[in-house]
């Protein structure tokens, strides 16, 4: 195979690729950009990554060994298992042996943050300023805090930032995590949709293998109404030709979460080319692995990988990517306004002579 990337090309690849003519920017301008938000967007707030969640859960099971019978040897051996397996085992043990309030307390301590911390981090504030449609596999409330209080939040702490200070707030509900509310009607810019549930209701959280199988309908013997709702909802996103999907905040360890999305029979790679993109924080030295991964996801799922070099800033490079998108979107909005002004002027002239 021909390698798509080399070390030098990967360093600035995403900034050279994302231009005003890119499908992501066109969709953003038209209100049709769907951004899937992963744990990499939350780790800077001290919230756990996919793997860290599994290991914290395992420690909690061990800490409550008087109820769960987990010993040290078993705990250490489970650490070598893949993330989904650890979470499935822990979730089964916890729900069978721990009190509900204990479980809720754990989830709250792991996945709830506060608005002050989110605003100081600035990443979510910048993400929300893009005015996209936000779907997230995260359980945490970080993006919710921005969405629900955005009308009262100053967008920039930088007095030299000349961007719009606020996004218009239509006063409607912004955050969704109950599957019974999932429909194409909530696919609107500014809305935040937790496709795997939220810490605000731990019973909605999709954690174990069984949860994923039920949610994505991988067990054809199940006849569950929620499965049908979810399938129709996701199909609307991935088969409606106007939507462009951007995955952001997913590192290599979180790719296995996306695997369920990709295997949900809604990711036909030939249906709509150039409409699915994955911003992938990685190291420039990993160009060979990223080239293989890029070819695999493009061929099997129609997802184009946009690598961004995290060698210097870690996941902080995502802030640079967002700044780049915001600068481009500002230009796009200005161009759109100019076109509207010209059209209105022409219409006024026509009316004068009609």
Protein backbone atom coordinates (compact mmCIF):
# COMPACT_ATOMS: atom_id res chain seq x y z
CA UNK A 1 0.00 0.00 0.00
CA UNK A 2 1.03 3.61 -0.52
CA UNK A 3 1.51 5.38 2.78
CA UNK A 4 -0.76 8.42 3.11
CA UNK A 5 1.43 10.18 5.66
CA UNK A 6 5.06 10.69 6.53
CA UNK A 7 6.49 12.29 9.68
CA UNK A 8 6.87 15.76 8.18
CA UNK A 9 3.47 15.76 6.46
CA UNK A 10 1.66 14.85 9.68
CA UNK A 11 2.99 17.81 11.65
CA UNK A 12 0.75 20.43 9.97
CA UNK A 13 -1.51 18.17 7.97
CA UNK A 14 -4.81 19.13 9.55
CA UNK A 15 -4.17 22.88 9.32
CA UNK A 16 -3.22 22.61 5.65
CA UNK A 17 -6.25 20.41 4.92
CA UNK A 18 -9.00 22.37 6.66
CA UNK A 19 -9.72 25.32 4.39
CA UNK A 20 -12.87 27.30 3.56
CA UNK A 21 -13.61 24.90 0.70
CA UNK A 22 -13.46 21.79 2.93
CA UNK A 23 -16.76 19.89 3.40
CA UNK A 24 -16.55 20.49 7.17
CA UNK A 25 -16.60 24.26 6.70
CA UNK A 26 -19.35 24.11 4.09
CA UNK A 27 -21.52 22.02 6.42
CA UNK A 28 -20.77 24.34 9.32
CA UNK A 29 -21.94 27.32 7.29
CA UNK A 30 -25.18 25.50 6.41
CA UNK A 31 -25.94 24.25 9.93
CA UNK A 32 -25.33 20.63 8.90
CA UNK A 33 -22.12 19.79 10.75
CA UNK A 34 -22.50 17.01 13.34
CA UNK A 35 -19.57 16.85 15.77
CA UNK A 36 -19.14 13.62 17.74
CA UNK A 37 -17.34 14.53 20.97
CA UNK A 38 -15.04 12.00 22.65
CA UNK A 39 -13.27 11.78 25.99
CA UNK A 40 -10.17 13.54 24.65
CA UNK A 41 -12.15 16.77 24.89
CA UNK A 42 -12.67 16.24 28.64
CA UNK A 43 -9.40 14.83 29.94
CA UNK A 44 -7.95 18.32 30.47
CA UNK A 45 -10.71 18.83 33.07
CA UNK A 46 -9.53 15.81 35.07
CA UNK A 47 -12.35 13.64 33.73
CA UNK A 48 -11.40 10.08 32.79
CA UNK A 49 -10.56 8.77 29.37
CA UNK A 50 -12.19 5.52 28.27
CA UNK A 51 -9.33 3.45 29.69
CA UNK A 52 -9.08 5.49 32.90
CA UNK A 53 -12.78 4.97 33.50
CA UNK A 54 -12.29 1.21 33.33
CA UNK A 55 -9.35 1.27 35.75
CA UNK A 56 -11.14 3.56 38.23
CA UNK A 57 -14.14 1.26 38.12
CA UNK A 58 -11.91 -1.75 38.78
CA UNK A 59 -10.31 -0.03 41.78
CA UNK A 60 -13.76 0.75 43.17
CA UNK A 61 -14.79 -2.90 42.90
CA UNK A 62 -11.60 -3.89 44.73
CA UNK A 63 -12.10 -1.20 47.38
CA UNK A 64 -15.51 -2.69 48.17
CA UNK A 65 -14.19 -6.26 48.30
CA UNK A 66 -16.32 -7.07 51.35
CA UNK A 67 -19.31 -6.90 48.97
CA UNK A 68 -17.72 -7.84 45.66
CA UNK A 69 -15.17 -10.50 46.76
CA UNK A 70 -12.53 -8.94 44.49
CA UNK A 71 -8.99 -9.74 45.62
CA UNK A 72 -5.73 -8.08 44.68
CA UNK A 73 -4.54 -10.79 42.30
CA UNK A 74 -7.79 -10.74 40.34
CA UNK A 75 -7.74 -6.97 40.14
CA UNK A 76 -4.18 -6.89 38.79
CA UNK A 77 -4.85 -9.62 36.25
CA UNK A 78 -7.96 -7.83 34.96
CA UNK A 79 -5.89 -4.71 34.27
CA UNK A 80 -4.34 -6.52 31.31
CA UNK A 81 -7.72 -7.09 29.65
CA UNK A 82 -9.15 -4.81 26.99
CA UNK A 83 -11.18 -1.83 28.14
CA UNK A 84 -14.63 -3.05 27.15
CA UNK A 85 -14.09 -6.34 28.97
CA UNK A 86 -12.97 -4.62 32.19
CA UNK A 87 -15.99 -2.30 32.11
CA UNK A 88 -18.39 -5.15 31.40
CA UNK A 89 -17.10 -7.24 34.30
CA UNK A 90 -17.04 -4.28 36.69
CA UNK A 91 -20.51 -3.10 35.70
CA UNK A 92 -21.95 -6.58 36.22
CA UNK A 93 -20.30 -6.97 39.64
CA UNK A 94 -21.25 -3.45 40.77
CA UNK A 95 -24.91 -3.66 39.79
CA UNK A 96 -25.21 -7.04 41.44
CA UNK A 97 -23.36 -6.30 44.70
CA UNK A 98 -23.16 -2.54 45.37
CA UNK A 99 -25.87 -0.23 46.61
CA UNK A 100 -27.40 2.05 43.98
CA UNK A 101 -26.37 5.16 45.91
CA UNK A 102 -22.78 3.91 46.02
CA UNK A 103 -22.77 3.47 42.26
CA UNK A 104 -24.33 6.88 41.66
CA UNK A 105 -21.75 8.46 43.96
CA UNK A 106 -18.92 6.89 41.96
CA UNK A 107 -20.29 8.09 38.65
CA UNK A 108 -20.84 11.59 40.03
CA UNK A 109 -17.28 11.82 41.32
CA UNK A 110 -15.84 10.58 38.03
CA UNK A 111 -17.96 12.42 35.46
CA UNK A 112 -19.39 15.58 36.99
CA UNK A 113 -17.48 18.84 36.79
CA UNK A 114 -18.37 22.50 37.35
CA UNK A 115 -18.86 25.47 35.06
CA UNK A 116 -15.90 27.41 36.43
CA UNK A 117 -13.48 24.61 35.57
CA UNK A 118 -15.02 24.14 32.11
CA UNK A 119 -14.75 27.84 31.30
CA UNK A 120 -11.17 28.04 32.54
CA UNK A 121 -10.32 25.12 30.25
CA UNK A 122 -11.86 27.03 27.31
CA UNK A 123 -11.89 23.96 25.04
CA UNK A 124 -15.64 23.33 25.30
CA UNK A 125 -16.46 27.01 25.08
CA UNK A 126 -14.55 27.20 21.79
CA UNK A 127 -16.14 23.98 20.55
CA UNK A 128 -19.64 25.27 21.29
CA UNK A 129 -18.88 28.55 19.58
CA UNK A 130 -18.75 26.63 16.29
CA UNK A 131 -22.54 26.39 16.51
CA UNK A 132 -22.64 22.80 15.27
CA UNK A 133 -24.88 19.87 16.22
CA UNK A 134 -23.14 18.04 19.07
CA UNK A 135 -23.40 14.30 19.68
CA UNK A 136 -21.22 12.77 22.34
CA UNK A 137 -20.31 9.32 23.59
CA UNK A 138 -19.16 10.97 26.85
CA UNK A 139 -21.17 10.61 30.04
CA UNK A 140 -19.83 13.82 31.61
CA UNK A 141 -21.69 17.12 31.95
CA UNK A 142 -18.94 19.45 30.67
CA UNK A 143 -20.55 20.34 27.34
CA UNK A 144 -23.99 20.48 28.98
CA UNK A 145 -22.84 23.29 31.29
CA UNK A 146 -21.81 25.40 28.31
CA UNK A 147 -24.93 24.65 26.26
CA UNK A 148 -27.49 25.26 29.00
CA UNK A 149 -25.96 28.52 30.26
CA UNK A 150 -24.47 29.90 27.08
CA UNK A 151 -26.64 33.01 27.01
CA UNK A 152 -24.95 34.13 30.25
CA UNK A 153 -21.39 33.14 29.33
CA UNK A 154 -18.94 35.59 27.78
CA UNK A 155 -17.42 33.76 24.86
CA UNK A 156 -13.92 35.19 25.08
CA UNK A 157 -11.64 36.28 27.87
CA UNK A 158 -9.39 37.85 25.26
CA UNK A 159 -10.24 41.51 24.65
CA UNK A 160 -8.46 41.28 21.29
CA UNK A 161 -10.82 38.57 20.07
CA UNK A 162 -13.16 40.19 17.56
CA UNK A 163 -15.43 37.20 17.06
CA UNK A 164 -19.10 37.28 17.94
CA UNK A 165 -19.42 37.41 21.71
CA UNK A 166 -22.44 35.14 21.91
CA UNK A 167 -24.36 32.54 19.96
CA UNK A 168 -28.08 33.35 19.68
CA UNK A 169 -30.12 31.40 22.23
CA UNK A 170 -33.59 30.40 21.11
CA UNK A 171 -34.56 29.39 24.65
CA UNK A 172 -35.28 25.78 23.71
CA UNK A 173 -34.03 22.68 25.47
CA UNK A 174 -30.39 22.05 24.58
CA UNK A 175 -29.31 18.75 26.20
CA UNK A 176 -30.73 15.28 25.51
CA UNK A 177 -29.78 11.89 26.92
CA UNK A 178 -33.08 9.99 27.19
CA UNK A 179 -33.39 7.77 24.14
CA UNK A 180 -37.15 8.32 24.00
CA UNK A 181 -36.42 11.94 23.03
CA UNK A 182 -34.12 10.99 20.14
CA UNK A 183 -35.53 12.06 16.76
CA UNK A 184 -34.49 14.09 13.74
CA UNK A 185 -36.27 17.08 15.31
CA UNK A 186 -33.47 17.53 17.87
CA UNK A 187 -30.72 17.57 15.25
CA UNK A 188 -30.31 21.32 15.47
CA UNK A 189 -27.24 23.54 15.90
CA UNK A 190 -26.39 24.14 19.59
CA UNK A 191 -28.06 20.92 20.77
CA UNK A 192 -26.04 18.38 22.78
CA UNK A 193 -27.10 14.74 22.51
CA UNK A 194 -25.58 12.03 24.72
CA UNK A 195 -25.87 8.93 22.54
CA UNK A 196 -24.49 6.64 25.27
CA UNK A 197 -26.34 8.22 28.17
CA UNK A 198 -25.42 10.77 30.80
CA UNK A 199 -24.19 10.92 34.39
CA UNK A 200 -27.32 12.93 35.12
CA UNK A 201 -29.21 9.63 34.96
CA UNK A 202 -26.81 6.73 35.45
CA UNK A 203 -29.42 4.23 34.24
CA UNK A 204 -29.12 5.71 30.74
CA UNK A 205 -25.36 5.04 30.61
CA UNK A 206 -24.16 2.48 28.06
CA UNK A 207 -21.20 0.76 29.72
CA UNK A 208 -21.06 -3.02 29.29
CA UNK A 209 -20.96 -5.29 26.24
CA UNK A 210 -24.60 -6.12 26.86
CA UNK A 211 -25.54 -2.44 26.89
CA UNK A 212 -23.83 -1.84 23.55
CA UNK A 213 -25.31 -4.94 21.98
CA UNK A 214 -28.80 -3.88 23.01
CA UNK A 215 -28.32 -0.25 21.94
CA UNK A 216 -26.88 -1.04 18.51
CA UNK A 217 -29.14 -3.98 17.78
CA UNK A 218 -26.27 -6.41 17.31
CA UNK A 219 -28.45 -9.11 18.87
CA UNK A 220 -31.14 -9.67 16.25
CA UNK A 221 -33.22 -11.74 18.66
CA UNK A 222 -34.03 -8.66 20.71
CA UNK A 223 -37.17 -6.77 19.83
CA UNK A 224 -36.69 -3.58 21.74
CA UNK A 225 -38.45 -0.32 20.94
CA UNK A 226 -35.49 1.78 22.12
CA UNK A 227 -33.24 -0.12 19.70
CA UNK A 228 -35.50 0.92 16.82
CA UNK A 229 -35.58 4.54 17.96
CA UNK A 230 -31.81 4.65 18.16
CA UNK A 231 -31.30 2.94 14.81
CA UNK A 232 -33.60 5.39 13.04
CA UNK A 233 -31.95 8.33 14.76
CA UNK A 234 -28.41 7.31 13.79
CA UNK A 235 -29.50 6.42 10.28
CA UNK A 236 -30.82 9.94 9.86
CA UNK A 237 -27.35 11.31 10.59
CA UNK A 238 -25.32 8.88 8.51
CA UNK A 239 -27.60 8.51 5.50
CA UNK A 240 -28.88 12.08 5.11
CA UNK A 241 -26.61 13.43 2.38
CA UNK A 242 -26.53 17.00 3.73
CA UNK A 243 -24.88 16.08 7.05
CA UNK A 244 -21.13 16.05 7.49
CA UNK A 245 -19.89 14.14 10.55
CA UNK A 246 -16.72 15.10 12.41
CA UNK A 247 -15.35 12.90 15.20
CA UNK A 248 -13.29 14.91 17.67
CA UNK A 249 -11.60 13.99 20.95
CA UNK A 250 -11.06 10.33 20.13
CA UNK A 251 -7.54 9.03 20.66
CA UNK A 252 -6.33 5.58 19.69
CA UNK A 253 -7.60 4.12 22.98
CA UNK A 254 -11.11 5.46 22.35
CA UNK A 255 -11.32 4.10 18.81
CA UNK A 256 -12.98 0.95 20.16
CA UNK A 257 -15.96 3.07 21.27
CA UNK A 258 -16.43 4.22 17.70
CA UNK A 259 -16.30 0.63 16.54
CA UNK A 260 -19.87 0.18 17.77
CA UNK A 261 -20.98 3.16 15.69
CA UNK A 262 -19.15 1.82 12.68
CA UNK A 263 -20.63 -1.66 13.07
CA UNK A 264 -24.20 -0.41 13.54
CA UNK A 265 -25.12 -0.97 9.88
CA UNK A 266 -25.39 2.76 9.23
CA UNK A 267 -21.82 3.38 8.05
CA UNK A 268 -21.86 2.33 4.40
CA UNK A 269 -18.52 3.70 3.18
CA UNK A 270 -19.71 4.16 -0.41
CA UNK A 271 -22.93 6.06 0.31
CA UNK A 272 -21.67 9.59 0.84
CA UNK A 273 -17.94 10.12 0.25
CA UNK A 274 -16.15 13.01 1.94
CA UNK A 275 -18.81 13.37 4.65
CA UNK A 276 -17.14 11.63 7.61
CA UNK A 277 -13.93 12.81 9.24
CA UNK A 278 -11.94 11.88 12.34
CA UNK A 279 -9.58 14.37 14.01
CA UNK A 280 -7.00 12.03 15.48
CA UNK A 281 -4.46 13.34 18.02
CA UNK A 282 -1.30 11.31 17.51
CA UNK A 283 2.47 11.53 17.45
CA UNK A 284 4.26 12.33 14.21
CA UNK A 285 6.51 9.30 14.82
CA UNK A 286 3.42 7.10 14.47
CA UNK A 287 2.94 8.03 10.82
CA UNK A 288 3.15 4.39 9.70
CA UNK A 289 0.46 3.21 12.13
CA UNK A 290 -1.75 6.21 11.33
CA UNK A 291 -1.40 5.53 7.60
CA UNK A 292 -2.59 1.96 8.12
CA UNK A 293 -5.42 3.11 10.37
CA UNK A 294 -6.44 5.80 7.90
CA UNK A 295 -6.59 3.33 5.04
CA UNK A 296 -8.60 0.87 7.15
CA UNK A 297 -11.27 3.38 8.23
CA UNK A 298 -11.52 4.98 4.81
CA UNK A 299 -11.95 1.63 3.07
CA UNK A 300 -14.32 0.03 5.58
CA UNK A 301 -16.32 2.94 6.97
CA UNK A 302 -15.79 5.92 4.66
CA UNK A 303 -14.10 7.89 7.45
CA UNK A 304 -11.19 10.17 6.51
CA UNK A 305 -8.56 10.51 9.23
CA UNK A 306 -7.21 14.01 9.92
CA UNK A 307 -4.11 13.49 12.10
CA UNK A 308 -2.99 16.31 14.38
CA UNK A 309 0.41 16.19 16.03
CA UNK A 310 0.17 16.02 19.83
CA UNK A 311 3.92 15.63 20.39
CA UNK A 312 4.28 19.12 21.92
CA UNK A 313 0.92 19.84 23.57
CA UNK A 314 -0.80 16.49 24.04
CA UNK A 315 -4.58 16.79 23.73
CA UNK A 316 -4.05 20.54 24.01
CA UNK A 317 -3.48 20.53 20.25
CA UNK A 318 -7.26 20.28 19.92
CA UNK A 319 -7.50 23.91 21.05
CA UNK A 320 -5.31 24.91 18.10
CA UNK A 321 -7.57 22.93 15.78
CA UNK A 322 -10.66 24.65 17.19
CA UNK A 323 -9.04 28.08 16.85
CA UNK A 324 -8.31 27.26 13.22
CA UNK A 325 -11.90 26.19 12.59
CA UNK A 326 -13.25 29.27 14.36
CA UNK A 327 -11.10 31.57 12.23
CA UNK A 328 -12.28 29.83 9.07
CA UNK A 329 -15.92 29.81 10.17
CA UNK A 330 -15.74 33.53 10.94
CA UNK A 331 -14.59 34.16 7.37
CA UNK A 332 -17.34 31.86 6.09
CA UNK A 333 -20.02 33.70 8.05
CA UNK A 334 -18.72 37.05 6.81
CA UNK A 335 -18.81 35.81 3.22
CA UNK A 336 -22.33 34.50 3.74
CA UNK A 337 -23.48 37.87 5.11
CA UNK A 338 -21.92 39.68 2.16
CA UNK A 339 -23.77 37.43 -0.29
CA UNK A 340 -27.03 38.06 1.56
CA UNK A 341 -26.45 41.83 1.43
CA UNK A 342 -25.79 41.67 -2.32
CA UNK A 343 -28.94 39.62 -2.91
CA UNK A 344 -31.01 42.00 -0.82
CA UNK A 345 -29.56 44.96 -2.73
CA UNK A 346 -30.36 43.38 -6.09
CA UNK A 347 -33.87 42.59 -4.92
CA UNK A 348 -34.38 46.20 -3.85
CA UNK A 349 -33.18 47.46 -7.26
CA UNK A 350 -35.55 45.06 -9.05
CA UNK A 351 -38.46 46.29 -6.95
CA UNK A 352 -37.60 49.91 -7.80
CA UNK A 353 -37.90 49.27 -11.53
CA UNK A 354 -40.77 46.79 -11.44
